[in-house]
Amino acid sequence: MPRKMKSGKFKLKTHKATSKRFRLTGSGVLMRTKGGKSHLRRRTSKRTKALFTEMVPVQGDKIVQRVNRLAPNMEK
């Protein structure tokens, strides 16, 4: 039995690393996580470690465009 012909469109797949690093706020602002949270934090002060938990708005239109291309289905 012959296979069914596929339509010309393709599935958009989300880049998983991008979706884990970025979030969209309710107003549509793209927020990013800070780096340096995983290891080698023993000598870091408590205040600095607490600052790692905050998310920062993304600066730059081209970076926002790239994230939107990599994760088109990112939820608000």
C-alpha atoms as a PDB file:
ATOM      1  CA  MET A   1       0.000   0.000   0.000  1.00  0.00           C
ATOM      2  CA  PRO A   2       1.515   3.365  -0.973  1.00  0.00           C
ATOM      3  CA  ARG A   3       2.216   5.965   1.665  1.00  0.00           C
ATOM      4  CA  LYS A   4       0.050   8.993   2.069  1.00  0.00           C
ATOM      5  CA  MET A   5       1.457  12.105   0.395  1.00  0.00           C
ATOM      6  CA  LYS A   6       2.529  14.792   2.858  1.00  0.00           C
ATOM      7  CA  SER A   7       1.394  18.343   2.447  1.00  0.00           C
ATOM      8  CA  GLY A   8       3.977  21.027   1.679  1.00  0.00           C
ATOM      9  CA  LYS A   9       4.029  22.360   5.245  1.00  0.00           C
ATOM     10  CA  PHE A  10       6.374  21.182   7.950  1.00  0.00           C
ATOM     11  CA  LYS A  11       6.098  20.978  11.713  1.00  0.00           C
ATOM     12  CA  LEU A  12       7.595  23.787  13.766  1.00  0.00           C
ATOM     13  CA  LYS A  13       9.711  22.319  16.520  1.00  0.00           C
ATOM     14  CA  THR A  14      10.642  24.241  19.648  1.00  0.00           C
ATOM     15  CA  HIS A  15      14.323  24.550  20.545  1.00  0.00           C
ATOM     16  CA  LYS A  16      14.133  23.112  24.064  1.00  0.00           C
ATOM     17  CA  ALA A  17      17.198  24.884  25.482  1.00  0.00           C
ATOM     18  CA  THR A  18      15.735  28.225  24.405  1.00  0.00           C
ATOM     19  CA  SER A  19      12.354  27.495  25.952  1.00  0.00           C
ATOM     20  CA  LYS A  20      14.024  26.618  29.263  1.00  0.00           C
ATOM     21  CA  ARG A  21      16.162  29.764  29.386  1.00  0.00           C
ATOM     22  CA  PHE A  22      13.568  32.383  28.392  1.00  0.00           C
ATOM     23  CA  ARG A  23      10.045  33.312  29.542  1.00  0.00           C
ATOM     24  CA  LEU A  24       7.431  35.680  28.193  1.00  0.00           C
ATOM     25  CA  THR A  25       5.603  37.916  30.651  1.00  0.00           C
ATOM     26  CA  GLY A  26       1.907  38.625  30.372  1.00  0.00           C
ATOM     27  CA  SER A  27       2.638  41.948  28.675  1.00  0.00           C
ATOM     28  CA  GLY A  28       4.891  40.226  26.127  1.00  0.00           C
ATOM     29  CA  VAL A  29       8.324  41.199  27.500  1.00  0.00           C
ATOM     30  CA  LEU A  30      10.976  38.533  26.965  1.00  0.00           C
ATOM     31  CA  MET A  31      12.829  37.682  30.181  1.00  0.00           C
ATOM     32  CA  ARG A  32      16.050  35.699  30.497  1.00  0.00           C
ATOM     33  CA  THR A  33      17.720  33.792  33.319  1.00  0.00           C
ATOM     34  CA  LYS A  34      21.169  34.674  34.579  1.00  0.00           C
ATOM     35  CA  GLY A  35      24.166  32.453  34.017  1.00  0.00           C
ATOM     36  CA  GLY A  36      26.430  31.052  36.715  1.00  0.00           C
ATOM     37  CA  LYS A  37      23.718  29.414  38.820  1.00  0.00           C
ATOM     38  CA  SER A  38      24.726  25.778  38.560  1.00  0.00           C
ATOM     39  CA  HIS A  39      28.145  25.180  40.148  1.00  0.00           C
ATOM     40  CA  LEU A  40      31.307  26.850  41.545  1.00  0.00           C
ATOM     41  CA  ARG A  41      29.210  29.011  43.875  1.00  0.00           C
ATOM     42  CA  ARG A  42      30.799  28.020  47.184  1.00  0.00           C
ATOM     43  CA  ARG A  43      32.831  31.184  47.640  1.00  0.00           C
ATOM     44  CA  THR A  44      30.092  33.463  46.299  1.00  0.00           C
ATOM     45  CA  SER A  45      28.360  35.687  48.831  1.00  0.00           C
ATOM     46  CA  LYS A  46      24.753  34.975  49.808  1.00  0.00           C
ATOM     47  CA  ARG A  47      23.642  38.304  48.401  1.00  0.00           C
ATOM     48  CA  THR A  48      25.166  37.537  45.000  1.00  0.00           C
ATOM     49  CA  LYS A  49      23.631  34.065  44.976  1.00  0.00           C
ATOM     50  CA  ALA A  50      20.237  35.553  45.773  1.00  0.00           C
ATOM     51  CA  LEU A  51      20.594  37.890  42.781  1.00  0.00           C
ATOM     52  CA  PHE A  52      20.993  34.877  40.473  1.00  0.00           C
ATOM     53  CA  THR A  53      17.328  33.929  40.993  1.00  0.00           C
ATOM     54  CA  GLU A  54      16.029  37.108  39.346  1.00  0.00           C
ATOM     55  CA  MET A  55      15.083  37.182  35.693  1.00  0.00           C
ATOM     56  CA  VAL A  56      16.231  40.111  33.566  1.00  0.00           C
ATOM     57  CA  PRO A  57      14.469  41.620  30.531  1.00  0.00           C
ATOM     58  CA  VAL A  58      16.214  40.919  27.236  1.00  0.00           C
ATOM     59  CA  GLN A  59      17.857  43.950  25.628  1.00  0.00           C
ATOM     60  CA  GLY A  60      18.067  44.046  21.848  1.00  0.00           C
ATOM     61  CA  ASP A  61      15.533  43.487  19.092  1.00  0.00           C
ATOM     62  CA  LYS A  62      17.617  40.958  17.149  1.00  0.00           C
ATOM     63  CA  ILE A  63      17.970  38.641  20.148  1.00  0.00           C
ATOM     64  CA  VAL A  64      14.199  38.783  20.666  1.00  0.00           C
ATOM     65  CA  GLN A  65      13.684  37.904  16.994  1.00  0.00           C
ATOM     66  CA  ARG A  66      16.086  34.952  17.277  1.00  0.00           C
ATOM     67  CA  VAL A  67      14.340  33.609  20.385  1.00  0.00           C
ATOM     68  CA  ASN A  68      10.955  33.943  18.688  1.00  0.00           C
ATOM     69  CA  ARG A  69      12.290  31.950  15.732  1.00  0.00           C
ATOM     70  CA  LEU A  70      13.775  29.218  17.933  1.00  0.00           C
ATOM     71  CA  ALA A  71      10.719  28.914  20.189  1.00  0.00           C
ATOM     72  CA  PRO A  72       7.692  29.982  18.129  1.00  0.00           C
ATOM     73  CA  ASN A  73       5.176  28.326  20.446  1.00  0.00           C
ATOM     74  CA  MET A  74       6.489  29.895  23.655  1.00  0.00           C
ATOM     75  CA  GLU A  75       3.545  30.537  25.934  1.00  0.00           C
ATOM     76  CA  LYS A  76       2.838  33.819  27.618  1.00  0.00           C
END
